[in-house]
Amino acid sequence: MRFFLPTPSRTVAAVALLAACCAWSTAAVAQKSSNGRVASNAVRGTIPYATRDDAMRFADEVAERRGLDRDWVRATIGNARFLPNVPRLMLPGPVGTVKNWQTYRSRFIDPVRIAAGVRFWRANADTLARAEQVYGVPAEIIVGIIGVETIYGRNMGNFRVIDALATLSFDFPQGHPRAAEREAFFRGELESFLSTESRTADDPLTPLGSYAGAMGMPQFMPSSIAKYAVDFDGDGRIDLVNNPADVIGSVANYFKAFGWKPGMPAIYPVHFDEARLQKGLLLAPDILPTFSIDSFVAAGAVPEGEGIRHKGLLALIELQNGADAPPTYVAGTRNFYVITRYNWSSYYAMSVLDLGQEVKAAMEQ
């Protein structure tokens, strides 16, 4: 996948895409029965969004807003297809499901992923060192992210990005508690994807990614590609699928943009002063660092080691371990919060930290 290449003419591509849409429309019309309904073999999962008025209105709005070729935008969205499994994947888990940190951790920290991380680090050691120098983000954080996301490019997703984004833009599950907000988010991502693809020579129907439309080794969403992806090896293009240098630089740039503080630990061990403990107060802000070290200790949470001298704000991070074991607690700094800007989950952030540390330890053996 190539990004930010010189703008080519879109005429040939638009004509080809429109022809495909027209061919489907003709076939669909031919399949209509006497009562006007599409025949049963034209099920929703095979119908392109060219037949949807809301999708075509959105295409026209995007073309006008972004100054893009209207026929190309209509044809691109029109060739997207509804993915029936994707809306179900976006729904939250059943109410009352108890999280389990040890189970979650085991999905990402295992010998296969650690060994892959060692190979990736050794192959890209100079680039990782340069990224840390330029952006201030340690190699183990970058290695942890790429490993958790795709096992260093092994699992980058097999959904067509245009299909995933269109499905979540026009058929987001209304049973989701934040359906309107999330639908608007994915429409923004679809618009960003179209804007980026319009500046490349690639077929916009080709890119593959996750069921949410994330792409490449770091699983960037389209808007993140537009804002944070960098040409870190200076070859004149940004490639997050095949070029580890661009991947490393882009991840580091992402963290710097969200406020990563060089030299600051992401977490500290913590123990409780039971006599003063106000756990409800400490957990109320969730993962957002809110407490000074004095207010943190006053509420009964005491960071260990260097944590007791921490200068910034802290959050109490709770990681549940199922119904039969006590939770795990750590004190999270601003840098822990920055990791959650990649994926808004304390379990995710801890997995990134743990994988990075495991790979670093294996490198030193």
Protein backbone atom coordinates (compact mmCIF):
# COMPACT_ATOMS: atom_id res chain seq x y z
CA MET A 1 0.00 0.00 0.00
CA ARG A 2 1.41 3.41 -0.93
CA PHE A 3 0.39 6.70 0.58
CA PHE A 4 0.74 10.32 -0.45
CA LEU A 5 1.96 9.75 -3.99
CA PRO A 6 1.59 12.37 -6.72
CA THR A 7 -2.01 12.77 -7.86
CA PRO A 8 -2.77 10.80 -11.04
CA SER A 9 -5.78 11.20 -13.27
CA ARG A 10 -8.76 9.35 -11.79
CA THR A 11 -10.66 9.04 -15.09
CA VAL A 12 -9.68 5.49 -16.04
CA ALA A 13 -10.21 4.15 -12.54
CA ALA A 14 -13.56 5.89 -12.17
CA VAL A 15 -14.81 4.56 -15.48
CA ALA A 16 -13.82 1.00 -14.54
CA LEU A 17 -15.47 1.24 -11.16
CA LEU A 18 -18.61 2.77 -12.58
CA ALA A 19 -18.79 0.01 -15.15
CA ALA A 20 -18.68 -2.56 -12.38
CA CYS A 21 -21.47 -0.78 -10.51
CA CYS A 22 -23.57 -0.53 -13.65
CA ALA A 23 -23.01 -4.19 -14.45
CA TRP A 24 -24.27 -5.18 -11.01
CA SER A 25 -27.24 -2.82 -11.26
CA THR A 26 -28.25 -4.30 -14.60
CA ALA A 27 -28.04 -7.80 -13.20
CA ALA A 28 -30.02 -6.83 -10.13
CA VAL A 29 -32.77 -5.29 -12.22
CA ALA A 30 -32.91 -8.44 -14.35
CA GLN A 31 -33.35 -10.51 -11.19
CA LYS A 32 -36.37 -8.56 -9.92
CA SER A 33 -39.59 -10.53 -9.68
CA SER A 34 -43.01 -9.26 -10.62
CA ASN A 35 -43.55 -7.68 -7.20
CA GLY A 36 -40.40 -5.55 -7.63
CA ARG A 37 -38.23 -7.26 -5.02
CA VAL A 38 -34.69 -8.37 -5.74
CA ALA A 39 -34.47 -12.13 -6.13
CA SER A 40 -33.32 -14.15 -3.12
CA ASN A 41 -29.84 -14.83 -4.51
CA ALA A 42 -29.08 -11.09 -4.35
CA VAL A 43 -28.71 -11.21 -0.57
CA ARG A 44 -27.61 -8.18 1.42
CA GLY A 45 -24.07 -9.49 1.83
CA THR A 46 -23.51 -9.37 -1.94
CA ILE A 47 -25.19 -6.06 -2.74
CA PRO A 48 -22.76 -3.16 -3.27
CA TYR A 49 -23.50 0.21 -1.68
CA ALA A 50 -24.15 1.68 -5.14
CA THR A 51 -27.79 0.78 -4.47
CA ARG A 52 -27.98 2.80 -1.25
CA ASP A 53 -29.19 6.39 -1.46
CA ASP A 54 -27.57 7.31 1.87
CA ALA A 55 -24.21 5.99 0.70
CA MET A 56 -24.40 7.88 -2.58
CA ARG A 57 -25.42 11.10 -0.81
CA PHE A 58 -22.42 10.71 1.45
CA ALA A 59 -20.20 10.15 -1.61
CA ASP A 60 -21.41 13.40 -3.13
CA GLU A 61 -20.79 15.27 0.15
CA VAL A 62 -17.27 13.89 0.44
CA ALA A 63 -16.45 14.75 -3.17
CA GLU A 64 -17.59 18.33 -2.66
CA ARG A 65 -15.98 18.74 0.75
CA ARG A 66 -12.62 17.30 -0.30
CA GLY A 67 -12.55 18.50 -3.90
CA LEU A 68 -12.46 14.94 -5.25
CA ASP A 69 -13.72 13.53 -8.52
CA ARG A 70 -17.43 12.85 -7.90
CA ASP A 71 -17.66 9.84 -10.20
CA TRP A 72 -14.58 8.26 -8.62
CA VAL A 73 -15.90 8.69 -5.08
CA ARG A 74 -19.33 7.35 -6.04
CA ALA A 75 -17.79 4.40 -7.83
CA THR A 76 -15.45 3.58 -4.95
CA ILE A 77 -18.14 3.66 -2.28
CA GLY A 78 -20.55 2.04 -4.71
CA ASN A 79 -18.33 -1.01 -5.03
CA ALA A 80 -18.06 -1.46 -1.25
CA ARG A 81 -20.08 -4.40 0.05
CA PHE A 82 -21.87 -4.97 3.31
CA LEU A 83 -20.01 -7.40 5.61
CA PRO A 84 -22.66 -9.10 7.76
CA ASN A 85 -20.26 -10.26 10.49
CA VAL A 86 -18.66 -6.87 11.10
CA PRO A 87 -21.54 -5.13 12.95
CA ARG A 88 -21.72 -8.05 15.37
CA LEU A 89 -18.01 -7.74 16.08
CA MET A 90 -18.50 -4.12 17.16
CA LEU A 91 -21.04 -4.91 19.88
CA PRO A 92 -19.77 -4.88 23.50
CA GLY A 93 -19.54 -8.12 25.45
CA PRO A 94 -22.40 -9.36 27.61
CA VAL A 95 -23.17 -7.27 30.69
CA GLY A 96 -21.55 -8.71 33.80
CA THR A 97 -18.67 -10.44 32.02
CA VAL A 98 -15.69 -10.45 34.39
CA LYS A 99 -12.40 -9.45 32.78
CA ASN A 100 -9.30 -11.52 33.37
CA TRP A 101 -5.92 -9.84 33.02
CA GLN A 102 -3.92 -13.07 33.08
CA THR A 103 -6.06 -14.57 30.31
CA TYR A 104 -5.86 -11.36 28.27
CA ARG A 105 -2.08 -11.17 28.78
CA SER A 106 -1.56 -14.75 27.63
CA ARG A 107 -3.02 -13.87 24.21
CA PHE A 108 -0.13 -11.49 23.51
CA ILE A 109 2.85 -12.56 25.60
CA ASP A 110 3.93 -15.99 24.40
CA PRO A 111 7.15 -17.56 23.05
CA VAL A 112 6.13 -17.15 19.39
CA ARG A 113 5.46 -13.43 19.68
CA ILE A 114 8.53 -12.81 21.83
CA ALA A 115 10.78 -14.62 19.34
CA ALA A 116 9.26 -12.64 16.47
CA GLY A 117 9.88 -9.46 18.45
CA VAL A 118 13.53 -10.33 18.93
CA ARG A 119 13.94 -10.91 15.19
CA PHE A 120 12.19 -7.62 14.40
CA TRP A 121 14.29 -5.67 16.90
CA ARG A 122 17.57 -7.13 15.68
CA ALA A 123 16.67 -6.50 12.03
CA ASN A 124 15.69 -2.89 12.75
CA ALA A 125 17.93 -1.96 15.68
CA ASP A 126 19.41 1.14 14.03
CA THR A 127 16.00 2.44 12.98
CA LEU A 128 14.54 1.87 16.45
CA ALA A 129 17.47 3.72 18.00
CA ARG A 130 16.99 6.61 15.57
CA ALA A 131 13.27 6.77 16.32
CA GLU A 132 14.01 6.99 20.04
CA GLN A 133 16.48 9.79 19.38
CA VAL A 134 14.07 11.73 17.14
CA TYR A 135 10.78 11.15 19.00
CA GLY A 136 11.85 10.11 22.51
CA VAL A 137 9.90 6.84 22.44
CA PRO A 138 11.84 3.76 23.66
CA ALA A 139 12.37 0.84 21.31
CA GLU A 140 10.52 -1.57 23.62
CA ILE A 141 7.33 0.51 23.40
CA ILE A 142 7.42 0.56 19.59
CA VAL A 143 8.24 -3.16 19.47
CA GLY A 144 5.46 -3.87 21.95
CA ILE A 145 2.85 -2.03 19.88
CA ILE A 146 3.72 -3.68 16.57
CA GLY A 147 3.87 -7.09 18.21
CA VAL A 148 0.51 -6.79 19.94
CA GLU A 149 -1.15 -5.35 16.84
CA THR A 150 0.03 -7.70 14.08
CA ILE A 151 2.89 -9.94 15.32
CA TYR A 152 5.26 -7.74 13.30
CA GLY A 153 3.21 -7.83 10.11
CA ARG A 154 2.10 -11.46 10.27
CA ASN A 155 -1.61 -10.70 10.86
CA MET A 156 -2.57 -7.41 9.24
CA GLY A 157 -6.20 -8.32 8.49
CA ASN A 158 -7.98 -9.79 5.49
CA PHE A 159 -11.02 -7.53 5.23
CA ARG A 160 -11.23 -5.12 2.31
CA VAL A 161 -10.88 -1.74 4.00
CA ILE A 162 -13.50 -0.13 1.80
CA ASP A 163 -16.02 -2.84 2.77
CA ALA A 164 -15.28 -2.59 6.50
CA LEU A 165 -15.49 1.20 6.59
CA ALA A 166 -18.65 1.35 4.47
CA THR A 167 -20.35 -1.29 6.60
CA LEU A 168 -19.56 0.60 9.81
CA SER A 169 -20.47 3.94 8.23
CA PHE A 170 -23.88 2.97 6.91
CA ASP A 171 -24.84 -0.14 8.91
CA PHE A 172 -23.33 0.38 12.35
CA PRO A 173 -25.26 -1.76 14.88
CA GLN A 174 -27.94 0.38 16.48
CA GLY A 175 -27.83 -1.81 19.57
CA HIS A 176 -24.45 -0.32 20.47
CA PRO A 177 -24.70 2.16 23.38
CA ARG A 178 -22.76 4.79 21.39
CA ALA A 179 -24.11 3.96 17.94
CA ALA A 180 -24.51 7.53 16.66
CA GLU A 181 -21.06 8.58 17.86
CA ARG A 182 -19.33 5.53 16.43
CA GLU A 183 -21.15 5.75 13.10
CA ALA A 184 -19.99 9.36 12.76
CA PHE A 185 -16.44 8.25 13.62
CA PHE A 186 -16.39 5.61 10.89
CA ARG A 187 -17.84 7.99 8.32
CA GLY A 188 -14.94 10.29 9.12
CA GLU A 189 -12.52 7.38 8.66
CA LEU A 190 -14.13 6.45 5.34
CA GLU A 191 -13.77 10.05 4.18
CA SER A 192 -10.13 10.11 5.25
CA PHE A 193 -9.48 6.81 3.46
CA LEU A 194 -10.98 8.16 0.23
CA SER A 195 -8.99 11.38 0.50
CA THR A 196 -5.71 9.50 0.93
CA GLU A 197 -6.45 6.94 -1.78
CA SER A 198 -7.34 9.70 -4.24
CA ARG A 199 -3.70 10.82 -4.05
CA THR A 200 -2.23 7.44 -4.93
CA ALA A 201 -1.99 5.33 -8.05
CA ASP A 202 -3.45 2.31 -6.22
CA ASP A 203 -6.82 0.64 -6.62
CA PRO A 204 -8.91 1.80 -3.61
CA LEU A 205 -10.68 -1.58 -3.56
CA THR A 206 -7.42 -3.43 -2.91
CA PRO A 207 -6.20 -2.44 0.61
CA LEU A 208 -6.84 -5.01 3.31
CA GLY A 209 -7.06 -4.48 7.04
CA SER A 210 -8.97 -5.27 10.20
CA TYR A 211 -12.75 -5.50 10.49
CA ALA A 212 -12.63 -1.89 11.76
CA GLY A 213 -10.59 -0.63 8.80
CA ALA A 214 -7.17 -0.43 10.48
CA MET A 215 -4.22 -1.03 8.17
CA GLY A 216 -0.62 -2.12 8.01
CA MET A 217 1.83 -3.40 10.62
CA PRO A 218 0.78 -0.77 13.17
CA GLN A 219 -2.94 -1.02 12.32
CA PHE A 220 -3.41 2.70 11.79
CA MET A 221 -6.89 3.97 11.01
CA PRO A 222 -7.07 6.16 7.88
CA SER A 223 -7.15 9.42 9.85
CA SER A 224 -4.07 8.34 11.80
CA ILE A 225 -2.27 7.59 8.55
CA ALA A 226 -3.09 11.10 7.35
CA LYS A 227 -2.00 12.76 10.61
CA TYR A 228 0.86 10.69 11.97
CA ALA A 229 2.39 8.40 9.32
CA VAL A 230 5.89 9.47 8.27
CA ASP A 231 8.37 8.60 5.54
CA PHE A 232 11.06 7.63 8.04
CA ASP A 233 13.55 6.25 5.52
CA GLY A 234 13.18 9.20 3.13
CA ASP A 235 12.36 7.18 0.01
CA GLY A 236 9.55 9.54 -1.00
CA ARG A 237 6.60 7.39 0.01
CA ILE A 238 4.93 6.06 3.15
CA ASP A 239 4.46 2.31 3.32
CA LEU A 240 3.02 0.87 6.53
CA VAL A 241 2.63 -2.63 5.08
CA ASN A 242 6.10 -3.52 3.81
CA ASN A 243 8.49 -0.90 5.17
CA PRO A 244 9.51 -1.38 8.84
CA ALA A 245 11.29 1.99 8.89
CA ASP A 246 8.07 3.88 8.09
CA VAL A 247 6.18 1.73 10.58
CA ILE A 248 8.66 2.43 13.38
CA GLY A 249 8.82 6.16 12.69
CA SER A 250 5.06 6.45 12.40
CA VAL A 251 4.36 4.67 15.70
CA ALA A 252 6.94 6.84 17.46
CA ASN A 253 5.51 10.00 15.88
CA TYR A 254 2.01 8.95 17.02
CA PHE A 255 3.12 8.67 20.63
CA LYS A 256 5.03 11.94 20.53
CA ALA A 257 1.95 13.69 19.13
CA PHE A 258 -0.13 12.42 22.06
CA GLY A 259 2.34 13.70 24.63
CA TRP A 260 4.85 10.94 25.36
CA LYS A 261 7.36 12.16 27.95
CA PRO A 262 10.90 10.80 27.33
CA GLY A 263 12.43 9.14 30.35
CA MET A 264 9.16 8.83 32.29
CA PRO A 265 8.11 5.29 33.28
CA ALA A 266 4.63 4.29 32.19
CA ILE A 267 3.78 2.50 35.45
CA TYR A 268 5.00 2.01 38.99
CA PRO A 269 4.26 -0.84 41.39
CA VAL A 270 1.83 0.23 44.09
CA HIS A 271 0.65 -1.04 47.46
CA PHE A 272 -2.25 0.11 49.62
CA ASP A 273 -2.34 1.76 53.02
CA GLU A 274 -5.54 0.08 54.13
CA ALA A 275 -6.15 2.56 56.94
CA ARG A 276 -6.45 5.45 54.47
CA LEU A 277 -7.56 3.61 51.36
CA GLN A 278 -10.29 5.32 49.30
CA LYS A 279 -10.34 2.95 46.34
CA GLY A 280 -13.56 4.31 44.89
CA LEU A 281 -12.12 7.82 44.78
CA LEU A 282 -8.91 6.57 43.19
CA LEU A 283 -10.66 4.52 40.51
CA ALA A 284 -13.28 7.13 39.58
CA PRO A 285 -11.15 8.88 36.90
CA ASP A 286 -10.35 5.46 35.36
CA ILE A 287 -7.09 5.62 33.35
CA LEU A 288 -6.84 9.42 33.25
CA PRO A 289 -3.92 10.61 35.46
CA THR A 290 -5.58 12.88 38.00
CA PHE A 291 -3.76 12.63 41.34
CA SER A 292 -0.57 14.30 42.49
CA ILE A 293 1.75 12.03 44.43
CA ASP A 294 0.56 13.66 47.68
CA SER A 295 -3.15 13.18 46.93
CA PHE A 296 -2.49 9.67 45.66
CA VAL A 297 -0.78 8.66 48.90
CA ALA A 298 -3.38 10.51 50.98
CA ALA A 299 -6.05 8.31 49.39
CA GLY A 300 -4.14 5.21 50.42
CA ALA A 301 -2.20 4.25 47.25
CA VAL A 302 1.56 4.25 47.76
CA PRO A 303 3.83 3.96 44.68
CA GLU A 304 6.95 1.89 45.24
CA GLY A 305 10.57 2.61 44.34
CA GLU A 306 11.08 5.70 42.20
CA GLY A 307 7.32 6.11 41.99
CA ILE A 308 7.17 7.81 45.38
CA ARG A 309 9.17 10.70 43.85
CA HIS A 310 7.10 10.98 40.66
CA LYS A 311 6.61 14.61 39.64
CA GLY A 312 3.53 14.30 37.42
CA LEU A 313 -0.04 13.08 37.87
CA LEU A 314 -0.99 9.46 38.50
CA ALA A 315 -3.93 7.13 37.97
CA LEU A 316 -4.75 3.94 39.84
CA ILE A 317 -5.00 1.18 37.24
CA GLU A 318 -7.11 -1.85 38.14
CA LEU A 319 -6.77 -5.08 36.14
CA GLN A 320 -9.35 -7.69 37.08
CA ASN A 321 -8.27 -11.32 37.27
CA GLY A 322 -11.61 -13.07 37.00
CA ALA A 323 -14.07 -13.91 39.73
CA ASP A 324 -11.73 -16.06 41.83
CA ALA A 325 -8.59 -13.92 42.12
CA PRO A 326 -7.89 -10.39 43.39
CA PRO A 327 -7.25 -7.62 40.85
CA THR A 328 -3.78 -6.44 39.91
CA TYR A 329 -3.04 -2.75 40.57
CA VAL A 330 -0.38 -0.38 39.26
CA ALA A 331 0.12 3.37 39.30
CA GLY A 332 -0.16 4.73 35.77
CA THR A 333 1.63 7.88 34.59
CA ARG A 334 0.95 10.18 31.66
CA ASN A 335 2.88 7.76 29.44
CA PHE A 336 0.56 4.90 30.34
CA TYR A 337 -2.35 7.12 29.32
CA VAL A 338 -0.59 7.88 26.02
CA ILE A 339 -0.41 4.17 25.21
CA THR A 340 -4.18 3.95 25.73
CA ARG A 341 -4.65 6.58 23.01
CA TYR A 342 -3.72 3.76 20.64
CA ASN A 343 -6.39 1.50 22.14
CA TRP A 344 -8.53 2.77 25.00
CA SER A 345 -7.89 -0.16 27.34
CA SER A 346 -5.65 -0.54 30.37
CA TYR A 347 -5.37 -4.26 29.56
CA TYR A 348 -4.10 -3.42 26.07
CA ALA A 349 -1.57 -0.91 27.40
CA MET A 350 -0.24 -3.38 29.96
CA SER A 351 0.14 -6.01 27.24
CA VAL A 352 2.18 -3.58 25.15
CA LEU A 353 4.43 -2.82 28.12
CA ASP A 354 4.85 -6.46 29.09
CA LEU A 355 5.56 -7.67 25.56
CA GLY A 356 8.12 -4.91 25.02
CA GLN A 357 9.87 -5.78 28.27
CA GLU A 358 9.83 -9.53 27.50
CA VAL A 359 11.38 -8.91 24.08
CA LYS A 360 13.97 -6.56 25.57
CA ALA A 361 14.91 -9.17 28.18
CA ALA A 362 15.22 -11.84 25.49
CA MET A 363 17.46 -9.51 23.47
CA GLU A 364 19.83 -9.23 26.42
CA GLN A 365 20.19 -12.97 26.95
